[in-house]
Amino acid sequence: MISIIMGQQALAANTTLCLADEHDYFSCHIAQSNKVISICGSLPDTADKDLQYRFGLPNNVEFVYPQSLKNGGDKFYFAEYVRSKVTKQSLHFKNKSYVYVVEVNSDAEEQPSQFEAIVSVEGPKSVTLSCKPKSFKGIDSAISNITKCDPDSALNIGKCVKK
């Protein structure tokens, strides 16, 4: 399992693997490394369902899923729970024997308020990584328009949340 744990910070410039004509739904710059995780896709105001998970450096992307950006949103599942001062989000996909999960939890009811994002890769190997401060943002809720809903997630309480 690879976990990436982050504190509340703003996304730093150039901390994305998304191209200029793509929307950055999530990005995280890994601590003690120059590597980045990004979820990139079609702009939220289009009917396209293009989406892709990327890992690596801006000049050397080591892993992409799916291989084709076109209609990639059909391979991802999203869940979201929102109430006053609390947001919990989960995005996942499966690649061979691995399940990749991006979770974002924001709780302003706690003092001090908490913001955490965890990216885990569940499979034969386990590794834990942290993101650099000021190097990330949470999942953009507009991703729910291009992904499948996750009816099995407790966050959806058995049904999808669509905006």
N, C-alpha and C. Protein backbone atom coordinates (compact mmCIF):
# COMPACT_ATOMS: atom_id res chain seq x y z
N MET A 1 0.84 -1.16 0.00
CA MET A 1 0.00 0.00 0.00
C MET A 1 0.90 1.23 0.00
N ILE A 2 0.66 2.19 -0.90
CA ILE A 2 1.37 3.46 -0.90
C ILE A 2 0.40 4.49 -0.38
N SER A 3 0.77 5.19 0.68
CA SER A 3 -0.08 6.22 1.24
C SER A 3 0.63 7.55 1.16
N ILE A 4 -0.10 8.57 0.78
CA ILE A 4 0.44 9.91 0.74
C ILE A 4 -0.42 10.75 1.65
N ILE A 5 0.20 11.29 2.71
CA ILE A 5 -0.53 12.02 3.73
C ILE A 5 -0.10 13.48 3.66
N MET A 6 -1.09 14.38 3.66
CA MET A 6 -0.80 15.79 3.46
C MET A 6 -1.51 16.66 4.48
N GLY A 7 -0.91 17.81 4.82
CA GLY A 7 -1.56 18.83 5.63
C GLY A 7 -2.20 19.86 4.72
N GLN A 8 -2.97 20.79 5.27
CA GLN A 8 -3.69 21.76 4.46
C GLN A 8 -2.75 22.82 3.91
N GLN A 9 -2.62 22.88 2.61
CA GLN A 9 -1.75 23.82 1.93
C GLN A 9 -2.32 24.10 0.55
N ALA A 10 -1.82 25.15 -0.10
CA ALA A 10 -2.23 25.47 -1.46
C ALA A 10 -1.31 24.78 -2.45
N LEU A 11 -1.79 24.52 -3.64
CA LEU A 11 -1.00 23.88 -4.67
C LEU A 11 0.08 24.83 -5.16
N ALA A 12 1.32 24.38 -5.14
CA ALA A 12 2.43 25.20 -5.62
C ALA A 12 2.46 25.19 -7.14
N ALA A 13 3.04 26.23 -7.72
CA ALA A 13 3.15 26.32 -9.17
C ALA A 13 3.98 25.14 -9.70
N ASN A 14 3.64 24.67 -10.89
CA ASN A 14 4.37 23.59 -11.56
C ASN A 14 4.34 22.28 -10.79
N THR A 15 3.35 22.06 -9.96
CA THR A 15 3.25 20.81 -9.22
C THR A 15 2.11 19.99 -9.80
N THR A 16 2.11 19.83 -11.09
CA THR A 16 1.09 19.04 -11.75
C THR A 16 1.68 18.38 -12.99
N LEU A 17 1.13 17.26 -13.36
CA LEU A 17 1.52 16.59 -14.59
C LEU A 17 0.48 16.82 -15.68
N CYS A 18 -0.51 17.67 -15.38
CA CYS A 18 -1.56 17.99 -16.35
C CYS A 18 -1.04 18.99 -17.37
N LEU A 19 -1.53 18.86 -18.59
CA LEU A 19 -1.16 19.78 -19.66
C LEU A 19 -2.01 21.05 -19.57
N ALA A 20 -1.59 22.08 -20.27
CA ALA A 20 -2.28 23.38 -20.20
C ALA A 20 -3.74 23.30 -20.62
N ASP A 21 -4.08 22.40 -21.55
CA ASP A 21 -5.46 22.30 -22.02
C ASP A 21 -6.27 21.24 -21.26
N GLU A 22 -5.73 20.76 -20.13
CA GLU A 22 -6.43 19.78 -19.29
C GLU A 22 -6.79 20.41 -17.95
N HIS A 23 -7.75 19.80 -17.29
CA HIS A 23 -8.15 20.24 -15.95
C HIS A 23 -7.40 19.40 -14.92
N ASP A 24 -6.85 20.04 -13.90
CA ASP A 24 -6.14 19.36 -12.80
C ASP A 24 -7.15 19.08 -11.70
N TYR A 25 -7.63 17.83 -11.62
CA TYR A 25 -8.61 17.45 -10.61
C TYR A 25 -7.98 17.16 -9.27
N PHE A 26 -6.71 16.76 -9.27
CA PHE A 26 -5.97 16.49 -8.04
C PHE A 26 -4.49 16.42 -8.38
N SER A 27 -3.64 17.01 -7.53
CA SER A 27 -2.19 16.89 -7.68
C SER A 27 -1.54 16.89 -6.32
N CYS A 28 -0.44 16.15 -6.21
CA CYS A 28 0.30 16.03 -4.97
C CYS A 28 1.78 15.89 -5.29
N HIS A 29 2.63 16.71 -4.68
CA HIS A 29 4.08 16.64 -4.86
C HIS A 29 4.65 15.84 -3.68
N ILE A 30 5.34 14.76 -3.96
CA ILE A 30 5.81 13.83 -2.93
C ILE A 30 7.02 14.38 -2.20
N ALA A 31 7.03 14.28 -0.86
CA ALA A 31 8.14 14.75 -0.03
C ALA A 31 9.39 13.92 -0.32
N GLN A 32 10.54 14.56 -0.15
CA GLN A 32 11.85 13.94 -0.35
C GLN A 32 11.98 13.34 -1.75
N SER A 33 11.29 13.95 -2.70
CA SER A 33 11.31 13.51 -4.09
C SER A 33 10.80 14.66 -4.94
N ASN A 34 11.08 14.60 -6.21
CA ASN A 34 10.51 15.59 -7.13
C ASN A 34 9.29 15.03 -7.85
N LYS A 35 8.86 13.81 -7.49
CA LYS A 35 7.76 13.15 -8.20
C LYS A 35 6.41 13.72 -7.79
N VAL A 36 5.48 13.60 -8.72
CA VAL A 36 4.15 14.18 -8.57
C VAL A 36 3.11 13.13 -8.95
N ILE A 37 1.97 13.18 -8.27
CA ILE A 37 0.79 12.41 -8.67
C ILE A 37 -0.25 13.43 -9.12
N SER A 38 -0.82 13.22 -10.30
CA SER A 38 -1.87 14.11 -10.81
C SER A 38 -3.00 13.29 -11.41
N ILE A 39 -4.20 13.81 -11.29
CA ILE A 39 -5.36 13.25 -11.98
C ILE A 39 -5.84 14.35 -12.92
N CYS A 40 -5.68 14.11 -14.21
CA CYS A 40 -5.92 15.12 -15.23
C CYS A 40 -7.05 14.68 -16.15
N GLY A 41 -7.76 15.65 -16.69
CA GLY A 41 -8.85 15.28 -17.58
C GLY A 41 -9.42 16.44 -18.36
N SER A 42 -10.53 16.14 -19.00
CA SER A 42 -11.22 17.15 -19.79
C SER A 42 -11.75 18.24 -18.86
N LEU A 43 -11.95 19.40 -19.42
CA LEU A 43 -12.45 20.53 -18.64
C LEU A 43 -13.86 20.22 -18.15
N PRO A 44 -14.20 20.68 -16.94
CA PRO A 44 -15.51 20.35 -16.35
C PRO A 44 -16.72 20.79 -17.17
N ASP A 45 -16.57 21.81 -18.00
CA ASP A 45 -17.72 22.32 -18.75
C ASP A 45 -17.90 21.64 -20.12
N THR A 46 -17.20 20.54 -20.36
CA THR A 46 -17.37 19.79 -21.60
C THR A 46 -18.12 18.49 -21.33
N ALA A 47 -18.58 17.86 -22.39
CA ALA A 47 -19.28 16.58 -22.26
C ALA A 47 -18.31 15.40 -22.27
N ASP A 48 -17.04 15.67 -22.49
CA ASP A 48 -16.03 14.61 -22.55
C ASP A 48 -15.85 13.96 -21.19
N LYS A 49 -15.47 12.68 -21.19
CA LYS A 49 -15.22 11.93 -19.95
C LYS A 49 -13.76 11.51 -19.89
N ASP A 50 -12.88 12.39 -20.38
CA ASP A 50 -11.45 12.08 -20.41
C ASP A 50 -10.86 12.26 -19.02
N LEU A 51 -10.10 11.24 -18.56
CA LEU A 51 -9.49 11.29 -17.23
C LEU A 51 -8.31 10.34 -17.19
N GLN A 52 -7.24 10.74 -16.49
CA GLN A 52 -6.05 9.91 -16.41
C GLN A 52 -5.28 10.20 -15.12
N TYR A 53 -4.81 9.14 -14.47
CA TYR A 53 -3.94 9.19 -13.30
C TYR A 53 -2.50 9.17 -13.81
N ARG A 54 -1.66 10.08 -13.30
CA ARG A 54 -0.26 10.14 -13.74
C ARG A 54 0.66 10.21 -12.53
N PHE A 55 1.83 9.57 -12.65
CA PHE A 55 2.84 9.57 -11.60
C PHE A 55 4.21 9.73 -12.22
N GLY A 56 5.02 10.61 -11.66
CA GLY A 56 6.39 10.78 -12.13
C GLY A 56 6.82 12.23 -12.09
N LEU A 57 7.67 12.60 -13.04
CA LEU A 57 8.19 13.95 -13.16
C LEU A 57 7.58 14.62 -14.38
N PRO A 58 7.52 15.95 -14.40
CA PRO A 58 6.94 16.62 -15.58
C PRO A 58 7.61 16.21 -16.90
N ASN A 59 8.90 15.93 -16.87
CA ASN A 59 9.60 15.53 -18.10
C ASN A 59 9.77 14.01 -18.22
N ASN A 60 9.22 13.25 -17.25
CA ASN A 60 9.35 11.79 -17.27
C ASN A 60 8.21 11.15 -16.48
N VAL A 61 7.05 11.06 -17.08
CA VAL A 61 5.90 10.43 -16.43
C VAL A 61 6.12 8.92 -16.46
N GLU A 62 6.19 8.30 -15.28
CA GLU A 62 6.54 6.89 -15.16
C GLU A 62 5.33 5.95 -15.27
N PHE A 63 4.16 6.43 -14.87
CA PHE A 63 2.98 5.58 -14.87
C PHE A 63 1.76 6.41 -15.21
N VAL A 64 0.93 5.90 -16.13
CA VAL A 64 -0.34 6.52 -16.46
C VAL A 64 -1.42 5.44 -16.46
N TYR A 65 -2.61 5.84 -16.03
CA TYR A 65 -3.76 4.93 -16.09
C TYR A 65 -5.02 5.75 -16.31
N PRO A 66 -5.83 5.32 -17.26
CA PRO A 66 -5.57 4.33 -18.28
C PRO A 66 -4.57 4.86 -19.32
N GLN A 67 -4.10 4.00 -20.19
CA GLN A 67 -3.11 4.42 -21.19
C GLN A 67 -3.66 5.53 -22.07
N SER A 68 -4.94 5.45 -22.42
CA SER A 68 -5.57 6.48 -23.23
C SER A 68 -6.42 7.38 -22.35
N LEU A 69 -6.25 8.66 -22.50
CA LEU A 69 -7.03 9.64 -21.74
C LEU A 69 -8.51 9.61 -22.15
N LYS A 70 -8.78 9.29 -23.40
CA LYS A 70 -10.14 9.31 -23.96
C LYS A 70 -11.08 8.40 -23.17
N ASN A 71 -12.15 8.96 -22.64
CA ASN A 71 -13.17 8.25 -21.88
C ASN A 71 -12.62 7.52 -20.66
N GLY A 72 -11.49 7.97 -20.15
CA GLY A 72 -10.88 7.35 -18.97
C GLY A 72 -11.75 7.44 -17.73
N GLY A 73 -12.62 8.43 -17.67
CA GLY A 73 -13.51 8.59 -16.52
C GLY A 73 -14.36 7.38 -16.24
N ASP A 74 -14.60 6.57 -17.28
CA ASP A 74 -15.40 5.34 -17.11
C ASP A 74 -14.68 4.29 -16.27
N LYS A 75 -13.40 4.46 -16.03
CA LYS A 75 -12.61 3.49 -15.26
C LYS A 75 -12.41 3.91 -13.81
N PHE A 76 -12.93 5.07 -13.43
CA PHE A 76 -12.77 5.60 -12.08
C PHE A 76 -14.11 5.63 -11.36
N TYR A 77 -14.07 5.47 -10.04
CA TYR A 77 -15.27 5.52 -9.19
C TYR A 77 -15.08 6.61 -8.15
N PHE A 78 -16.10 7.44 -7.97
CA PHE A 78 -16.03 8.59 -7.07
C PHE A 78 -17.14 8.51 -6.03
N ALA A 79 -16.81 8.91 -4.81
CA ALA A 79 -17.79 9.00 -3.73
C ALA A 79 -17.53 10.29 -2.98
N GLU A 80 -18.61 10.87 -2.45
CA GLU A 80 -18.46 12.15 -1.74
C GLU A 80 -19.53 12.27 -0.67
N TYR A 81 -19.10 12.77 0.48
CA TYR A 81 -20.02 13.07 1.58
C TYR A 81 -19.72 14.50 2.00
N VAL A 82 -20.76 15.34 2.05
CA VAL A 82 -20.57 16.75 2.41
C VAL A 82 -21.65 17.14 3.40
N ARG A 83 -21.24 17.79 4.48
CA ARG A 83 -22.14 18.46 5.40
C ARG A 83 -21.42 19.69 5.92
N SER A 84 -22.06 20.49 6.66
CA SER A 84 -21.46 21.73 7.15
C SER A 84 -20.10 21.47 7.78
N LYS A 85 -19.06 22.09 7.25
CA LYS A 85 -17.69 22.05 7.75
C LYS A 85 -16.99 20.70 7.58
N VAL A 86 -17.63 19.73 6.92
CA VAL A 86 -17.02 18.41 6.75
C VAL A 86 -17.20 17.96 5.30
N THR A 87 -16.09 17.53 4.69
CA THR A 87 -16.14 16.95 3.35
C THR A 87 -15.24 15.72 3.33
N LYS A 88 -15.76 14.63 2.78
CA LYS A 88 -14.99 13.41 2.61
C LYS A 88 -15.18 12.95 1.17
N GLN A 89 -14.07 12.69 0.49
CA GLN A 89 -14.12 12.28 -0.90
C GLN A 89 -13.23 11.06 -1.12
N SER A 90 -13.62 10.22 -2.08
CA SER A 90 -12.83 9.05 -2.42
C SER A 90 -12.94 8.81 -3.93
N LEU A 91 -11.78 8.58 -4.55
CA LEU A 91 -11.72 8.25 -5.97
C LEU A 91 -10.85 7.01 -6.09
N HIS A 92 -11.33 5.99 -6.82
CA HIS A 92 -10.49 4.81 -6.96
C HIS A 92 -10.60 4.20 -8.35
N PHE A 93 -9.56 3.40 -8.67
CA PHE A 93 -9.55 2.60 -9.89
C PHE A 93 -8.71 1.36 -9.64
N LYS A 94 -8.92 0.35 -10.47
CA LYS A 94 -8.18 -0.90 -10.35
C LYS A 94 -7.32 -1.09 -11.59
N ASN A 95 -6.06 -1.45 -11.36
CA ASN A 95 -5.13 -1.75 -12.43
C ASN A 95 -4.42 -3.06 -12.11
N LYS A 96 -4.78 -4.11 -12.83
CA LYS A 96 -4.26 -5.46 -12.60
C LYS A 96 -4.54 -5.87 -11.16
N SER A 97 -3.52 -6.20 -10.37
CA SER A 97 -3.75 -6.66 -8.99
C SER A 97 -3.68 -5.52 -7.98
N TYR A 98 -3.71 -4.27 -8.44
CA TYR A 98 -3.60 -3.12 -7.55
C TYR A 98 -4.88 -2.28 -7.59
N VAL A 99 -5.24 -1.73 -6.44
CA VAL A 99 -6.34 -0.76 -6.34
C VAL A 99 -5.73 0.55 -5.86
N TYR A 100 -5.93 1.60 -6.63
CA TYR A 100 -5.44 2.94 -6.31
C TYR A 100 -6.60 3.74 -5.73
N VAL A 101 -6.39 4.35 -4.57
CA VAL A 101 -7.45 5.12 -3.91
C VAL A 101 -6.90 6.48 -3.51
N VAL A 102 -7.62 7.53 -3.88
CA VAL A 102 -7.31 8.89 -3.44
C VAL A 102 -8.44 9.30 -2.52
N GLU A 103 -8.11 9.62 -1.27
CA GLU A 103 -9.12 10.06 -0.29
C GLU A 103 -8.75 11.44 0.23
N VAL A 104 -9.74 12.30 0.32
CA VAL A 104 -9.55 13.64 0.88
C VAL A 104 -10.56 13.82 2.00
N ASN A 105 -10.07 14.22 3.17
CA ASN A 105 -10.92 14.44 4.33
C ASN A 105 -10.66 15.83 4.88
N SER A 106 -11.70 16.63 4.97
CA SER A 106 -11.61 17.98 5.49
C SER A 106 -12.61 18.11 6.63
N ASP A 107 -12.13 18.54 7.79
CA ASP A 107 -13.00 18.66 8.96
C ASP A 107 -12.69 19.95 9.71
N ALA A 108 -13.52 20.96 9.49
CA ALA A 108 -13.35 22.25 10.15
C ALA A 108 -14.01 22.27 11.52
N GLU A 109 -14.72 21.19 11.88
CA GLU A 109 -15.30 21.11 13.22
C GLU A 109 -14.23 20.82 14.26
N GLU A 110 -13.16 20.14 13.84
CA GLU A 110 -12.05 19.84 14.74
C GLU A 110 -11.24 21.12 14.99
N GLN A 111 -10.68 21.23 16.16
CA GLN A 111 -9.82 22.36 16.50
C GLN A 111 -8.44 21.86 16.87
N PRO A 112 -7.39 22.18 16.14
CA PRO A 112 -7.44 22.97 14.90
C PRO A 112 -8.10 22.16 13.77
N SER A 113 -8.57 22.88 12.76
CA SER A 113 -9.23 22.20 11.65
C SER A 113 -8.24 21.26 10.96
N GLN A 114 -8.78 20.21 10.35
CA GLN A 114 -7.94 19.18 9.74
C GLN A 114 -8.24 19.06 8.26
N PHE A 115 -7.20 18.85 7.49
CA PHE A 115 -7.32 18.57 6.06
C PHE A 115 -6.29 17.51 5.75
N GLU A 116 -6.73 16.39 5.22
CA GLU A 116 -5.82 15.28 4.95
C GLU A 116 -6.20 14.62 3.64
N ALA A 117 -5.20 14.27 2.87
CA ALA A 117 -5.43 13.50 1.65
C ALA A 117 -4.50 12.30 1.69
N ILE A 118 -5.01 11.16 1.32
CA ILE A 118 -4.24 9.92 1.34
C ILE A 118 -4.41 9.25 -0.02
N VAL A 119 -3.28 8.90 -0.63
CA VAL A 119 -3.30 8.13 -1.86
C VAL A 119 -2.72 6.78 -1.52
N SER A 120 -3.49 5.73 -1.70
CA SER A 120 -3.00 4.39 -1.37
C SER A 120 -3.05 3.51 -2.60
N VAL A 121 -2.03 2.68 -2.71
CA VAL A 121 -1.98 1.66 -3.75
C VAL A 121 -1.98 0.34 -3.01
N GLU A 122 -3.09 -0.37 -3.11
CA GLU A 122 -3.25 -1.62 -2.37
C GLU A 122 -2.97 -2.79 -3.30
N GLY A 123 -2.01 -3.62 -2.89
CA GLY A 123 -1.63 -4.76 -3.69
C GLY A 123 -0.49 -5.50 -3.01
N PRO A 124 0.34 -6.20 -3.79
CA PRO A 124 1.41 -7.01 -3.21
C PRO A 124 2.47 -6.23 -2.42
N LYS A 125 2.70 -4.96 -2.68
CA LYS A 125 3.74 -4.18 -1.99
C LYS A 125 3.13 -3.03 -1.20
N SER A 126 3.84 -2.60 -0.14
CA SER A 126 3.37 -1.47 0.68
C SER A 126 4.47 -0.43 0.85
N VAL A 127 4.14 0.83 0.63
CA VAL A 127 5.06 1.95 0.82
C VAL A 127 4.22 3.14 1.29
N THR A 128 4.79 3.98 2.16
CA THR A 128 4.09 5.19 2.60
C THR A 128 4.91 6.41 2.22
N LEU A 129 4.26 7.38 1.59
CA LEU A 129 4.90 8.63 1.16
C LEU A 129 4.10 9.82 1.69
N SER A 130 4.76 10.95 1.87
CA SER A 130 4.08 12.18 2.29
C SER A 130 4.26 13.24 1.21
N CYS A 131 3.32 14.16 1.14
CA CYS A 131 3.44 15.27 0.19
C CYS A 131 4.14 16.46 0.84
N LYS A 132 4.85 17.22 -0.01
CA LYS A 132 5.50 18.43 0.47
C LYS A 132 4.45 19.47 0.82
N PRO A 133 4.69 20.26 1.86
CA PRO A 133 3.76 21.36 2.18
C PRO A 133 3.61 22.29 0.97
N LYS A 134 2.44 22.87 0.84
CA LYS A 134 2.11 23.80 -0.24
C LYS A 134 2.24 23.18 -1.63
N SER A 135 2.06 21.87 -1.73
CA SER A 135 2.25 21.22 -3.02
C SER A 135 1.04 20.45 -3.52
N PHE A 136 -0.14 20.70 -2.97
CA PHE A 136 -1.28 19.89 -3.39
C PHE A 136 -2.58 20.65 -3.25
N LYS A 137 -3.62 20.02 -3.78
CA LYS A 137 -5.00 20.47 -3.57
C LYS A 137 -5.86 19.22 -3.44
N GLY A 138 -7.07 19.38 -2.97
CA GLY A 138 -7.97 18.24 -2.85
C GLY A 138 -8.59 17.87 -4.19
N ILE A 139 -9.46 16.88 -4.18
CA ILE A 139 -10.15 16.44 -5.39
C ILE A 139 -11.20 17.49 -5.76
N ASP A 140 -11.18 17.91 -7.00
CA ASP A 140 -12.19 18.85 -7.50
C ASP A 140 -13.51 18.09 -7.66
N SER A 141 -14.56 18.54 -6.99
CA SER A 141 -15.86 17.84 -7.01
C SER A 141 -16.44 17.70 -8.40
N ALA A 142 -16.01 18.52 -9.35
CA ALA A 142 -16.51 18.42 -10.72
C ALA A 142 -16.16 17.08 -11.35
N ILE A 143 -15.23 16.35 -10.74
CA ILE A 143 -14.85 15.04 -11.25
C ILE A 143 -16.04 14.08 -11.23
N SER A 144 -17.02 14.36 -10.38
CA SER A 144 -18.20 13.48 -10.31
C SER A 144 -18.99 13.48 -11.62
N ASN A 145 -18.79 14.49 -12.46
CA ASN A 145 -19.50 14.55 -13.74
C ASN A 145 -18.89 13.66 -14.81
N ILE A 146 -17.65 13.18 -14.60
CA ILE A 146 -17.01 12.36 -15.62
C ILE A 146 -16.63 10.97 -15.14
N THR A 147 -16.81 10.67 -13.86
CA THR A 147 -16.50 9.34 -13.33
C THR A 147 -17.78 8.58 -13.05
N LYS A 148 -17.62 7.30 -12.76
CA LYS A 148 -18.76 6.50 -12.30
C LYS A 148 -18.92 6.75 -10.80
N CYS A 149 -20.12 6.63 -10.32
CA CYS A 149 -20.32 6.75 -8.89
C CYS A 149 -19.95 5.42 -8.23
N ASP A 150 -19.63 5.47 -6.96
CA ASP A 150 -19.23 4.28 -6.22
C ASP A 150 -20.37 3.90 -5.28
N PRO A 151 -21.29 3.04 -5.73
CA PRO A 151 -22.45 2.71 -4.91
C PRO A 151 -22.10 1.88 -3.67
N ASP A 152 -20.89 1.31 -3.62
CA ASP A 152 -20.48 0.52 -2.47
C ASP A 152 -19.81 1.34 -1.38
N SER A 153 -19.54 2.60 -1.65
CA SER A 153 -18.88 3.45 -0.67
C SER A 153 -19.85 3.93 0.41
N ALA A 154 -19.42 3.86 1.64
CA ALA A 154 -20.24 4.40 2.75
C ALA A 154 -20.42 5.90 2.62
N LEU A 155 -19.52 6.57 1.90
CA LEU A 155 -19.65 8.01 1.71
C LEU A 155 -20.91 8.35 0.90
N ASN A 156 -21.29 7.48 0.00
CA ASN A 156 -22.47 7.71 -0.82
C ASN A 156 -23.73 7.16 -0.18
N ILE A 157 -23.60 6.51 0.95
CA ILE A 157 -24.73 5.90 1.65
C ILE A 157 -25.59 5.11 0.66
N GLY A 158 -24.90 4.31 -0.19
CA GLY A 158 -25.59 3.44 -1.13
C GLY A 158 -26.02 4.07 -2.42
N LYS A 159 -25.78 5.37 -2.61
CA LYS A 159 -26.13 6.00 -3.88
C LYS A 159 -25.15 7.12 -4.17
N CYS A 160 -25.07 7.48 -5.43
CA CYS A 160 -24.11 8.49 -5.84
C CYS A 160 -24.59 9.90 -5.54
N VAL A 161 -23.65 10.77 -5.35
CA VAL A 161 -23.94 12.18 -5.16
C VAL A 161 -23.55 12.87 -6.47
N LYS A 162 -24.51 13.41 -7.18
CA LYS A 162 -24.25 14.12 -8.42
C LYS A 162 -24.73 15.55 -8.25
N LYS A 163 -23.93 16.47 -8.76
CA LYS A 163 -24.30 17.89 -8.63
C LYS A 163 -24.81 18.43 -9.93
